[in-house]
């Protein structure tokens, strides 16, 4: 094989490696919202759930939870978020003696006010820090079931989960190189190996 052919083989191998490197570097940061608006009744002295099933993969970089709950006595309720074996307490029997409802309440670790700052903030419209930090979900795969768990601890008041949502910033999984790229790399590498063997054989003959 002449020098031009050898150079061509080397260039093909380098091009294939560049293609593979580019494909591996295509992981993107994506912001996505998920929402479940199916109403769930909150009965006295029971635990109910609302579930989101996320079908995409990605490493969680930041996450907020949104709830809209109608309930005449917030102090009855414990609210938590669970995913992949991890549970985070969002609100534990807040609302004092007069707080009712969670109206478009966003739980955000960066919020300026904590959810336990006082019942005067009820119905908690806007952003509040949860009682336990959502940072517990960072670096987890967003894929799978996310469950809002609401427990009513007292009789006499009931309500409903009207909406449960998530706002997720995640690093999407890198794209898998196309078969054509792998074939190009394989062919070029095989050619380069053949050239090296031929060169070594000629050297031994001489």
N, C-alpha and C. Protein backbone atom coordinates (compact mmCIF):
# COMPACT_ATOMS: atom_id res chain seq x y z
N UNK A 1 0.85 -1.19 0.00
CA UNK A 1 0.00 0.00 0.00
C UNK A 1 0.89 1.23 0.00
N UNK A 2 0.60 2.20 -0.87
CA UNK A 2 1.44 3.38 -0.97
C UNK A 2 1.13 4.37 0.15
N UNK A 3 1.94 5.44 0.19
CA UNK A 3 1.81 6.42 1.27
C UNK A 3 0.46 7.10 1.25
N UNK A 4 -0.05 7.42 0.02
CA UNK A 4 -1.35 8.10 -0.09
C UNK A 4 -2.46 7.24 0.51
N UNK A 5 -2.41 5.95 0.25
CA UNK A 5 -3.44 5.05 0.79
C UNK A 5 -3.36 4.97 2.30
N UNK A 6 -2.13 4.93 2.80
CA UNK A 6 -1.96 4.88 4.25
C UNK A 6 -2.51 6.15 4.91
N UNK A 7 -2.20 7.29 4.31
CA UNK A 7 -2.70 8.56 4.84
C UNK A 7 -4.22 8.60 4.82
N UNK A 8 -4.80 8.09 3.73
CA UNK A 8 -6.26 8.06 3.63
C UNK A 8 -6.86 7.21 4.74
N UNK A 9 -6.23 6.07 5.01
CA UNK A 9 -6.72 5.19 6.06
C UNK A 9 -6.65 5.88 7.42
N UNK A 10 -5.54 6.55 7.69
CA UNK A 10 -5.38 7.26 8.95
C UNK A 10 -6.42 8.37 9.08
N UNK A 11 -6.67 9.09 7.99
CA UNK A 11 -7.65 10.18 8.01
C UNK A 11 -9.05 9.65 8.28
N UNK A 12 -9.37 8.50 7.68
CA UNK A 12 -10.67 7.89 7.92
C UNK A 12 -10.83 7.50 9.39
N UNK A 13 -9.77 6.95 9.97
CA UNK A 13 -9.82 6.58 11.38
C UNK A 13 -10.01 7.81 12.26
N UNK A 14 -9.28 8.90 11.93
CA UNK A 14 -9.41 10.13 12.71
C UNK A 14 -10.80 10.72 12.58
N UNK A 15 -11.37 10.68 11.36
CA UNK A 15 -12.71 11.20 11.15
C UNK A 15 -13.74 10.41 11.94
N UNK A 16 -13.56 9.09 11.98
CA UNK A 16 -14.48 8.25 12.73
C UNK A 16 -14.40 8.56 14.22
N UNK A 17 -13.18 8.75 14.73
CA UNK A 17 -13.02 9.08 16.14
C UNK A 17 -13.68 10.42 16.47
N UNK A 18 -13.54 11.40 15.57
CA UNK A 18 -14.17 12.71 15.77
C UNK A 18 -15.70 12.57 15.79
N UNK A 19 -16.22 11.72 14.91
CA UNK A 19 -17.67 11.50 14.88
C UNK A 19 -18.15 10.92 16.19
N UNK A 20 -17.42 9.93 16.71
CA UNK A 20 -17.79 9.32 17.98
C UNK A 20 -17.70 10.32 19.12
N UNK A 21 -16.66 11.13 19.13
CA UNK A 21 -16.49 12.12 20.19
C UNK A 21 -17.61 13.14 20.17
N UNK A 22 -17.98 13.58 18.95
CA UNK A 22 -19.05 14.57 18.82
C UNK A 22 -20.37 14.00 19.31
N UNK A 23 -20.63 12.74 18.98
CA UNK A 23 -21.87 12.10 19.42
C UNK A 23 -21.92 11.99 20.93
N UNK A 24 -20.78 11.69 21.55
CA UNK A 24 -20.74 11.54 23.01
C UNK A 24 -20.92 12.88 23.70
N UNK A 25 -20.56 13.97 23.03
CA UNK A 25 -20.63 15.29 23.64
C UNK A 25 -21.96 15.97 23.44
N UNK A 26 -22.95 15.27 22.86
CA UNK A 26 -24.21 15.90 22.53
C UNK A 26 -25.22 15.89 23.68
N UNK A 27 -24.79 15.55 24.89
CA UNK A 27 -25.69 15.62 26.04
C UNK A 27 -26.11 17.07 26.23
N UNK A 28 -27.42 17.31 26.32
CA UNK A 28 -27.94 18.67 26.41
C UNK A 28 -28.70 18.86 27.71
N UNK A 29 -28.69 20.10 28.21
CA UNK A 29 -29.46 20.45 29.39
C UNK A 29 -30.85 20.90 28.93
N UNK A 30 -31.87 20.26 29.46
CA UNK A 30 -33.24 20.49 28.99
C UNK A 30 -34.14 20.81 30.18
N UNK A 31 -34.99 21.83 30.02
CA UNK A 31 -36.00 22.17 31.03
C UNK A 31 -37.35 21.63 30.57
N UNK A 32 -38.00 20.84 31.42
CA UNK A 32 -39.26 20.21 31.05
C UNK A 32 -40.24 20.29 32.20
N UNK A 33 -41.52 20.51 31.85
CA UNK A 33 -42.59 20.53 32.84
C UNK A 33 -43.47 19.30 32.66
N UNK A 34 -43.88 18.73 33.77
CA UNK A 34 -44.79 17.58 33.77
C UNK A 34 -45.97 17.91 34.67
N UNK A 35 -47.17 17.44 34.31
CA UNK A 35 -48.34 17.79 35.09
C UNK A 35 -49.39 16.69 35.07
N UNK A 36 -50.01 16.47 36.21
CA UNK A 36 -51.14 15.55 36.34
C UNK A 36 -52.31 16.35 36.89
N UNK A 37 -53.36 16.50 36.08
CA UNK A 37 -54.52 17.30 36.49
C UNK A 37 -55.74 16.43 36.80
N UNK A 38 -55.53 15.14 36.96
CA UNK A 38 -56.63 14.26 37.34
C UNK A 38 -56.93 14.44 38.83
N UNK A 39 -58.15 14.86 39.20
CA UNK A 39 -58.46 15.10 40.61
C UNK A 39 -58.39 13.82 41.44
N UNK A 40 -57.88 13.96 42.67
CA UNK A 40 -57.81 12.84 43.61
C UNK A 40 -58.44 13.31 44.92
N UNK A 41 -59.49 12.62 45.35
CA UNK A 41 -60.17 13.00 46.59
C UNK A 41 -59.29 12.70 47.80
N UNK A 42 -59.26 13.65 48.75
CA UNK A 42 -58.55 13.46 50.01
C UNK A 42 -59.59 13.17 51.08
N UNK A 43 -59.65 11.93 51.50
CA UNK A 43 -60.63 11.52 52.51
C UNK A 43 -60.06 11.71 53.91
N UNK A 44 -60.95 11.70 54.89
CA UNK A 44 -60.50 11.81 56.28
C UNK A 44 -59.67 10.60 56.69
N UNK A 45 -58.61 10.85 57.40
CA UNK A 45 -57.80 9.80 58.01
C UNK A 45 -57.31 8.77 56.99
N UNK A 46 -56.85 9.24 55.85
CA UNK A 46 -56.33 8.32 54.84
C UNK A 46 -55.16 8.95 54.10
N UNK A 47 -54.44 8.14 53.34
CA UNK A 47 -53.32 8.58 52.51
C UNK A 47 -53.67 8.36 51.05
N UNK A 48 -53.49 9.40 50.25
CA UNK A 48 -53.78 9.30 48.82
C UNK A 48 -52.56 9.77 48.03
N UNK A 49 -52.52 9.42 46.75
CA UNK A 49 -51.37 9.77 45.92
C UNK A 49 -51.80 10.29 44.56
N UNK A 50 -50.93 11.10 43.97
CA UNK A 50 -51.05 11.52 42.58
C UNK A 50 -49.70 11.21 41.94
N UNK A 51 -49.71 10.62 40.74
CA UNK A 51 -48.48 10.07 40.16
C UNK A 51 -48.20 10.68 38.79
N UNK A 52 -46.92 10.97 38.57
CA UNK A 52 -46.42 11.35 37.25
C UNK A 52 -45.46 10.27 36.77
N UNK A 53 -45.62 9.84 35.53
CA UNK A 53 -44.74 8.82 34.95
C UNK A 53 -43.89 9.48 33.87
N UNK A 54 -42.61 9.70 34.16
CA UNK A 54 -41.70 10.36 33.23
C UNK A 54 -41.04 9.30 32.36
N UNK A 55 -41.18 9.44 31.04
CA UNK A 55 -40.71 8.40 30.13
C UNK A 55 -39.34 8.68 29.52
N UNK A 56 -38.73 9.81 29.87
CA UNK A 56 -37.42 10.14 29.33
C UNK A 56 -36.36 10.02 30.42
N UNK A 57 -35.11 9.82 29.97
CA UNK A 57 -33.98 9.71 30.90
C UNK A 57 -33.21 11.03 30.94
N UNK A 58 -32.59 11.29 32.06
CA UNK A 58 -31.76 12.48 32.19
C UNK A 58 -31.37 12.69 33.64
N UNK A 59 -30.19 13.23 33.86
CA UNK A 59 -29.70 13.46 35.22
C UNK A 59 -30.27 14.78 35.75
N UNK A 60 -30.97 14.70 36.89
CA UNK A 60 -31.64 15.87 37.46
C UNK A 60 -30.61 16.87 37.97
N UNK A 61 -30.72 18.11 37.48
CA UNK A 61 -29.86 19.20 37.92
C UNK A 61 -30.60 20.17 38.85
N UNK A 62 -31.90 20.30 38.64
CA UNK A 62 -32.72 21.17 39.48
C UNK A 62 -34.16 20.69 39.35
N UNK A 63 -34.95 20.84 40.42
CA UNK A 63 -36.32 20.38 40.38
C UNK A 63 -37.19 21.21 41.31
N UNK A 64 -38.39 21.55 40.83
CA UNK A 64 -39.41 22.22 41.63
C UNK A 64 -40.67 21.37 41.57
N UNK A 65 -41.48 21.42 42.61
CA UNK A 65 -42.75 20.71 42.63
C UNK A 65 -43.89 21.70 42.78
N UNK A 66 -44.95 21.49 42.02
CA UNK A 66 -46.13 22.34 42.09
C UNK A 66 -47.32 21.52 42.55
N UNK A 67 -48.09 22.07 43.49
CA UNK A 67 -49.32 21.41 43.90
C UNK A 67 -50.47 22.41 43.93
N UNK A 68 -51.66 21.91 43.68
CA UNK A 68 -52.88 22.69 43.87
C UNK A 68 -53.84 21.76 44.62
N UNK A 69 -54.07 22.08 45.88
CA UNK A 69 -54.89 21.23 46.76
C UNK A 69 -55.99 22.07 47.39
N UNK A 70 -57.19 21.56 47.32
CA UNK A 70 -58.31 22.16 48.04
C UNK A 70 -58.53 21.38 49.32
N UNK A 71 -58.43 22.06 50.45
CA UNK A 71 -58.68 21.41 51.74
C UNK A 71 -59.00 22.51 52.76
N UNK A 72 -60.01 22.29 53.55
CA UNK A 72 -60.49 23.34 54.45
C UNK A 72 -59.64 23.51 55.71
N UNK A 73 -58.68 22.58 55.93
CA UNK A 73 -57.85 22.69 57.13
C UNK A 73 -56.47 22.09 56.84
N UNK A 74 -55.56 22.94 56.40
CA UNK A 74 -54.23 22.48 56.00
C UNK A 74 -53.47 21.77 57.11
N UNK A 75 -53.78 22.13 58.35
CA UNK A 75 -53.05 21.55 59.48
C UNK A 75 -53.28 20.05 59.61
N UNK A 76 -54.28 19.53 58.90
CA UNK A 76 -54.52 18.09 58.89
C UNK A 76 -53.53 17.33 58.02
N UNK A 77 -52.85 18.03 57.11
CA UNK A 77 -52.17 17.37 56.00
C UNK A 77 -50.65 17.28 56.15
N UNK A 78 -50.12 16.12 55.80
CA UNK A 78 -48.69 15.94 55.56
C UNK A 78 -48.53 15.66 54.07
N UNK A 79 -47.60 16.38 53.42
CA UNK A 79 -47.43 16.28 51.97
C UNK A 79 -45.97 15.97 51.68
N UNK A 80 -45.72 14.94 50.87
CA UNK A 80 -44.34 14.59 50.51
C UNK A 80 -44.26 14.18 49.05
N UNK A 81 -43.02 14.15 48.55
CA UNK A 81 -42.73 13.76 47.17
C UNK A 81 -41.74 12.61 47.20
N UNK A 82 -42.03 11.55 46.44
CA UNK A 82 -41.12 10.41 46.43
C UNK A 82 -40.79 9.99 45.01
N UNK A 83 -39.57 9.45 44.85
CA UNK A 83 -39.09 8.98 43.55
C UNK A 83 -37.89 8.08 43.76
N UNK A 84 -37.91 6.91 43.17
CA UNK A 84 -36.75 6.03 43.20
C UNK A 84 -36.25 5.68 44.58
N UNK A 85 -37.16 5.52 45.54
CA UNK A 85 -36.75 5.16 46.88
C UNK A 85 -36.40 6.32 47.78
N UNK A 86 -36.44 7.55 47.27
CA UNK A 86 -36.17 8.75 48.06
C UNK A 86 -37.47 9.51 48.29
N UNK A 87 -37.68 9.94 49.53
CA UNK A 87 -38.88 10.71 49.88
C UNK A 87 -38.47 12.04 50.51
N UNK A 88 -39.11 13.12 50.08
CA UNK A 88 -38.82 14.45 50.59
C UNK A 88 -40.11 15.04 51.18
N UNK A 89 -40.04 15.49 52.42
CA UNK A 89 -41.18 16.12 53.07
C UNK A 89 -41.34 17.55 52.56
N UNK A 90 -42.47 17.82 51.94
CA UNK A 90 -42.73 19.16 51.42
C UNK A 90 -43.37 20.06 52.48
N UNK A 91 -44.40 19.55 53.14
CA UNK A 91 -45.11 20.34 54.13
C UNK A 91 -45.72 19.41 55.17
N UNK A 92 -45.44 19.69 56.45
CA UNK A 92 -45.92 18.83 57.52
C UNK A 92 -46.89 19.61 58.43
N UNK A 93 -48.18 19.43 58.19
CA UNK A 93 -49.24 19.98 59.02
C UNK A 93 -49.07 21.47 59.26
N UNK A 94 -48.87 22.20 58.17
CA UNK A 94 -48.76 23.65 58.24
C UNK A 94 -50.16 24.27 58.11
N UNK A 95 -50.23 25.57 58.37
CA UNK A 95 -51.50 26.28 58.20
C UNK A 95 -52.13 26.76 59.48
N UNK A 96 -51.58 26.31 60.64
CA UNK A 96 -52.11 26.78 61.91
C UNK A 96 -53.59 26.46 62.07
N UNK A 97 -54.33 27.38 62.70
CA UNK A 97 -55.75 27.15 62.97
C UNK A 97 -56.66 27.74 61.91
N UNK A 98 -56.07 28.45 60.95
CA UNK A 98 -56.94 29.11 59.98
C UNK A 98 -56.54 28.91 58.53
N UNK A 99 -55.47 28.16 58.27
CA UNK A 99 -54.99 28.02 56.90
C UNK A 99 -55.78 26.99 56.12
N UNK A 100 -56.18 27.35 54.90
CA UNK A 100 -56.90 26.41 54.03
C UNK A 100 -56.33 26.49 52.63
N UNK A 101 -56.20 25.32 52.02
CA UNK A 101 -55.82 25.19 50.61
C UNK A 101 -54.33 25.47 50.34
N UNK A 102 -53.85 24.81 49.29
CA UNK A 102 -52.57 25.11 48.66
C UNK A 102 -52.90 25.46 47.22
N UNK A 103 -52.90 26.74 46.92
CA UNK A 103 -53.35 27.22 45.61
C UNK A 103 -52.15 27.55 44.74
N UNK A 104 -51.87 26.67 43.76
CA UNK A 104 -50.71 26.86 42.87
C UNK A 104 -49.44 27.13 43.68
N UNK A 105 -49.18 26.24 44.60
CA UNK A 105 -48.02 26.34 45.48
C UNK A 105 -46.82 25.66 44.82
N UNK A 106 -45.72 26.39 44.71
CA UNK A 106 -44.49 25.85 44.12
C UNK A 106 -43.46 25.65 45.24
N UNK A 107 -42.96 24.44 45.34
CA UNK A 107 -41.89 24.15 46.28
C UNK A 107 -40.56 24.24 45.55
N UNK A 108 -39.73 25.19 46.00
CA UNK A 108 -38.48 25.53 45.32
C UNK A 108 -37.41 25.76 46.38
N UNK A 109 -36.31 25.03 46.29
CA UNK A 109 -35.24 25.17 47.28
C UNK A 109 -34.68 26.59 47.33
N UNK A 110 -34.83 27.35 46.25
CA UNK A 110 -34.27 28.70 46.20
C UNK A 110 -35.28 29.78 46.59
N UNK A 111 -36.48 29.40 46.99
CA UNK A 111 -37.51 30.39 47.35
C UNK A 111 -37.09 31.17 48.60
N UNK A 112 -37.59 32.38 48.70
CA UNK A 112 -37.20 33.25 49.81
C UNK A 112 -37.92 32.95 51.12
N UNK A 113 -39.07 32.28 51.05
CA UNK A 113 -39.88 32.02 52.24
C UNK A 113 -40.08 30.51 52.40
N UNK A 114 -39.96 30.01 53.62
CA UNK A 114 -40.19 28.60 53.88
C UNK A 114 -41.68 28.33 54.08
N UNK A 115 -42.11 27.12 53.74
CA UNK A 115 -43.52 26.76 53.88
C UNK A 115 -43.95 26.77 55.35
N UNK A 116 -43.01 26.66 56.28
CA UNK A 116 -43.36 26.66 57.70
C UNK A 116 -43.22 28.04 58.34
N UNK A 117 -43.23 29.09 57.50
CA UNK A 117 -43.06 30.45 58.02
C UNK A 117 -44.29 30.95 58.76
N UNK A 118 -45.45 30.31 58.56
CA UNK A 118 -46.64 30.73 59.30
C UNK A 118 -47.90 30.58 58.50
N UNK A 119 -49.03 30.37 59.20
CA UNK A 119 -50.30 30.13 58.53
C UNK A 119 -50.79 31.35 57.77
N UNK A 120 -50.28 32.54 58.09
CA UNK A 120 -50.73 33.75 57.41
C UNK A 120 -50.44 33.70 55.91
N UNK A 121 -49.51 32.83 55.50
CA UNK A 121 -49.19 32.73 54.08
C UNK A 121 -50.19 31.87 53.31
N UNK A 122 -51.03 31.13 54.02
CA UNK A 122 -52.04 30.31 53.34
C UNK A 122 -52.95 31.22 52.50
N UNK A 123 -53.34 30.79 51.28
CA UNK A 123 -53.23 29.45 50.69
C UNK A 123 -51.89 29.18 49.96
N UNK A 124 -50.84 29.82 50.36
CA UNK A 124 -49.49 29.51 49.89
C UNK A 124 -49.33 29.62 48.36
N UNK A 125 -49.94 30.64 47.81
CA UNK A 125 -49.77 30.87 46.38
C UNK A 125 -48.39 31.49 46.12
N UNK A 126 -47.64 30.90 45.21
CA UNK A 126 -46.30 31.37 44.91
C UNK A 126 -45.26 30.31 45.27
N UNK A 127 -44.03 30.74 45.48
CA UNK A 127 -42.92 29.81 45.71
C UNK A 127 -42.51 29.79 47.18
N UNK A 128 -42.30 28.58 47.70
CA UNK A 128 -41.90 28.38 49.10
C UNK A 128 -40.86 27.26 49.17
N UNK A 129 -39.96 27.39 50.13
CA UNK A 129 -39.01 26.31 50.37
C UNK A 129 -39.73 25.17 51.07
N UNK A 130 -39.50 23.94 50.64
CA UNK A 130 -40.10 22.80 51.34
C UNK A 130 -39.42 22.57 52.68
N UNK A 131 -40.05 21.77 53.52
CA UNK A 131 -39.46 21.51 54.84
C UNK A 131 -38.21 20.64 54.74
N UNK A 132 -38.14 19.81 53.73
CA UNK A 132 -36.91 19.09 53.40
C UNK A 132 -36.51 19.45 51.98
N UNK A 133 -35.23 19.57 51.75
CA UNK A 133 -34.75 20.09 50.46
C UNK A 133 -34.92 19.09 49.32
N UNK A 134 -35.35 19.62 48.19
CA UNK A 134 -35.50 18.81 46.97
C UNK A 134 -34.15 18.43 46.38
N UNK A 135 -33.07 18.99 46.93
CA UNK A 135 -31.72 18.65 46.46
C UNK A 135 -31.46 17.15 46.60
N UNK A 136 -32.25 16.47 47.40
CA UNK A 136 -32.10 15.03 47.57
C UNK A 136 -32.29 14.27 46.26
N UNK A 137 -32.97 14.91 45.29
CA UNK A 137 -33.21 14.25 44.01
C UNK A 137 -32.16 14.58 42.95
N UNK A 138 -31.24 15.47 43.26
CA UNK A 138 -30.23 15.86 42.27
C UNK A 138 -29.34 14.67 41.92
N UNK A 139 -28.95 14.63 40.65
CA UNK A 139 -28.11 13.58 40.07
C UNK A 139 -28.84 12.25 39.90
N UNK A 140 -30.11 12.20 40.27
CA UNK A 140 -30.91 11.00 40.00
C UNK A 140 -31.42 11.04 38.57
N UNK A 141 -31.78 9.87 38.05
CA UNK A 141 -32.41 9.80 36.74
C UNK A 141 -33.86 10.25 36.87
N UNK A 142 -34.29 11.18 36.02
CA UNK A 142 -35.66 11.69 36.08
C UNK A 142 -36.67 10.63 35.66
N UNK A 143 -36.20 9.60 34.98
CA UNK A 143 -37.07 8.55 34.45
C UNK A 143 -37.82 7.81 35.56
N UNK A 144 -39.09 7.52 35.30
CA UNK A 144 -39.86 6.68 36.22
C UNK A 144 -40.98 7.43 36.91
N UNK A 145 -41.45 6.85 38.00
CA UNK A 145 -42.61 7.36 38.72
C UNK A 145 -42.21 8.39 39.76
N UNK A 146 -42.93 9.52 39.76
CA UNK A 146 -42.82 10.55 40.79
C UNK A 146 -44.17 10.61 41.49
N UNK A 147 -44.18 10.47 42.80
CA UNK A 147 -45.44 10.32 43.53
C UNK A 147 -45.60 11.40 44.58
N UNK A 148 -46.71 12.13 44.49
CA UNK A 148 -47.11 13.07 45.53
C UNK A 148 -47.96 12.30 46.53
N UNK A 149 -47.54 12.32 47.78
CA UNK A 149 -48.24 11.57 48.84
C UNK A 149 -48.85 12.55 49.82
N UNK A 150 -50.15 12.46 50.01
CA UNK A 150 -50.87 13.36 50.92
C UNK A 150 -51.59 12.52 51.97
N UNK A 151 -51.31 12.80 53.25
CA UNK A 151 -51.97 12.10 54.35
C UNK A 151 -52.81 13.07 55.16
N UNK A 152 -54.06 12.71 55.38
CA UNK A 152 -54.97 13.47 56.22
C UNK A 152 -54.99 12.81 57.60
N UNK A 153 -54.59 13.56 58.63
CA UNK A 153 -54.40 12.99 59.96
C UNK A 153 -55.61 13.17 60.89
N UNK A 154 -56.59 13.96 60.49
CA UNK A 154 -57.71 14.25 61.38
C UNK A 154 -59.04 14.10 60.65
N UNK A 155 -60.09 13.80 61.42
CA UNK A 155 -61.44 13.72 60.87
C UNK A 155 -62.08 15.11 60.84
N UNK A 156 -63.09 15.24 60.00
CA UNK A 156 -63.88 16.47 60.00
C UNK A 156 -63.67 17.37 58.81
N UNK A 157 -62.55 17.22 58.08
CA UNK A 157 -62.28 18.04 56.90
C UNK A 157 -61.73 17.15 55.80
N UNK A 158 -62.15 17.41 54.58
CA UNK A 158 -61.58 16.67 53.45
C UNK A 158 -61.35 17.62 52.29
N UNK A 159 -60.92 17.09 51.16
CA UNK A 159 -60.61 17.96 50.03
C UNK A 159 -60.19 17.17 48.82
N UNK A 160 -59.30 17.74 48.00
CA UNK A 160 -58.85 17.03 46.80
C UNK A 160 -57.52 17.58 46.31
N UNK A 161 -56.75 16.69 45.68
CA UNK A 161 -55.58 17.11 44.92
C UNK A 161 -56.09 17.49 43.54
N UNK A 162 -55.94 18.75 43.16
CA UNK A 162 -56.43 19.21 41.86
C UNK A 162 -55.36 19.12 40.77
N UNK A 163 -54.13 19.30 41.21
CA UNK A 163 -53.02 19.28 40.24
C UNK A 163 -51.72 18.97 40.95
N UNK A 164 -50.90 18.22 40.28
CA UNK A 164 -49.53 17.91 40.75
C UNK A 164 -48.61 18.05 39.56
N UNK A 165 -47.55 18.84 39.72
CA UNK A 165 -46.64 19.06 38.61
C UNK A 165 -45.19 19.12 39.04
N UNK A 166 -44.30 18.95 38.08
CA UNK A 166 -42.87 19.08 38.30
C UNK A 166 -42.26 19.97 37.24
N UNK A 167 -41.29 20.78 37.65
CA UNK A 167 -40.45 21.50 36.71
C UNK A 167 -39.04 20.99 36.88
N UNK A 168 -38.49 20.37 35.84
CA UNK A 168 -37.21 19.67 35.96
C UNK A 168 -36.20 20.22 34.97
N UNK A 169 -35.01 20.52 35.46
CA UNK A 169 -33.87 20.80 34.60
C UNK A 169 -32.98 19.57 34.66
N UNK A 170 -32.76 18.95 33.51
CA UNK A 170 -32.01 17.69 33.49
C UNK A 170 -31.01 17.68 32.35
N UNK A 171 -29.95 16.95 32.57
CA UNK A 171 -28.96 16.72 31.52
C UNK A 171 -29.37 15.45 30.79
N UNK A 172 -29.80 15.64 29.55
CA UNK A 172 -30.28 14.50 28.77
C UNK A 172 -29.15 13.53 28.49
N UNK A 173 -29.50 12.26 28.35
CA UNK A 173 -28.51 11.24 28.05
C UNK A 173 -27.88 11.51 26.69
N UNK A 174 -26.56 11.27 26.57
CA UNK A 174 -25.87 11.48 25.30
C UNK A 174 -26.42 10.55 24.24
N UNK A 175 -26.45 11.04 23.01
CA UNK A 175 -26.93 10.22 21.90
C UNK A 175 -25.96 9.09 21.60
N UNK A 176 -26.52 7.95 21.26
CA UNK A 176 -25.70 6.80 20.89
C UNK A 176 -25.24 6.97 19.44
N UNK A 177 -23.96 6.78 19.14
CA UNK A 177 -23.48 6.92 17.77
C UNK A 177 -24.24 6.01 16.82
N UNK A 178 -24.50 6.52 15.62
CA UNK A 178 -25.21 5.73 14.62
C UNK A 178 -24.35 4.55 14.16
N UNK A 179 -25.00 3.46 13.75
CA UNK A 179 -24.25 2.28 13.27
C UNK A 179 -23.27 2.61 12.17
N UNK A 180 -23.62 3.58 11.30
CA UNK A 180 -22.74 3.94 10.21
C UNK A 180 -21.42 4.49 10.71
N UNK A 181 -21.48 5.26 11.81
CA UNK A 181 -20.25 5.82 12.38
C UNK A 181 -19.37 4.72 12.94
N UNK A 182 -20.01 3.77 13.61
CA UNK A 182 -19.25 2.66 14.16
C UNK A 182 -18.63 1.81 13.07
N UNK A 183 -19.39 1.60 11.98
CA UNK A 183 -18.87 0.82 10.87
C UNK A 183 -17.69 1.53 10.23
N UNK A 184 -17.79 2.85 10.08
CA UNK A 184 -16.70 3.63 9.50
C UNK A 184 -15.45 3.50 10.35
N UNK A 185 -15.64 3.62 11.66
CA UNK A 185 -14.49 3.50 12.56
C UNK A 185 -13.87 2.11 12.48
N UNK A 186 -14.73 1.08 12.46
CA UNK A 186 -14.24 -0.29 12.40
C UNK A 186 -13.47 -0.57 11.14
N UNK A 187 -14.01 -0.10 10.00
CA UNK A 187 -13.34 -0.34 8.72
C UNK A 187 -12.00 0.38 8.67
N UNK A 188 -12.00 1.62 9.14
CA UNK A 188 -10.76 2.38 9.10
C UNK A 188 -9.72 1.77 10.02
N UNK A 189 -10.17 1.35 11.21
CA UNK A 189 -9.23 0.75 12.15
C UNK A 189 -8.67 -0.56 11.61
N UNK A 190 -9.53 -1.34 10.95
CA UNK A 190 -9.06 -2.60 10.37
C UNK A 190 -8.02 -2.32 9.28
N UNK A 191 -8.29 -1.29 8.46
CA UNK A 191 -7.35 -0.94 7.41
C UNK A 191 -6.02 -0.48 7.97
N UNK A 192 -6.09 0.33 9.02
CA UNK A 192 -4.87 0.83 9.64
C UNK A 192 -4.06 -0.31 10.26
N UNK A 193 -4.78 -1.26 10.88
CA UNK A 193 -4.10 -2.42 11.47
C UNK A 193 -3.42 -3.25 10.39
N UNK A 194 -4.12 -3.41 9.25
CA UNK A 194 -3.53 -4.17 8.15
C UNK A 194 -2.28 -3.51 7.62
N UNK A 195 -2.31 -2.20 7.51
CA UNK A 195 -1.13 -1.47 7.04
C UNK A 195 0.03 -1.67 7.99
N UNK A 196 -0.26 -1.60 9.31
CA UNK A 196 0.81 -1.76 10.29
C UNK A 196 1.42 -3.15 10.21
N UNK A 197 0.59 -4.16 10.04
CA UNK A 197 1.11 -5.53 9.94
C UNK A 197 1.97 -5.70 8.69
N UNK A 198 1.51 -5.11 7.58
CA UNK A 198 2.27 -5.21 6.33
C UNK A 198 3.62 -4.55 6.47
N UNK A 199 3.62 -3.38 7.12
CA UNK A 199 4.88 -2.65 7.30
C UNK A 199 5.85 -3.46 8.16
N UNK A 200 5.32 -4.09 9.22
CA UNK A 200 6.19 -4.87 10.09
C UNK A 200 6.74 -6.08 9.34
N UNK A 201 5.92 -6.69 8.47
CA UNK A 201 6.35 -7.85 7.71
C UNK A 201 7.47 -7.47 6.76
N UNK A 202 7.32 -6.33 6.10
CA UNK A 202 8.34 -5.89 5.16
C UNK A 202 9.67 -5.62 5.90
N UNK A 203 9.51 -5.07 7.11
CA UNK A 203 10.71 -4.76 7.88
C UNK A 203 11.46 -6.03 8.24
N UNK A 204 10.71 -7.10 8.59
CA UNK A 204 11.35 -8.35 8.94
C UNK A 204 12.02 -8.98 7.72
N UNK A 205 11.38 -8.87 6.52
CA UNK A 205 11.96 -9.46 5.31
C UNK A 205 13.29 -8.77 4.99
N UNK A 206 13.31 -7.46 5.12
CA UNK A 206 14.53 -6.74 4.83
C UNK A 206 15.63 -7.11 5.83
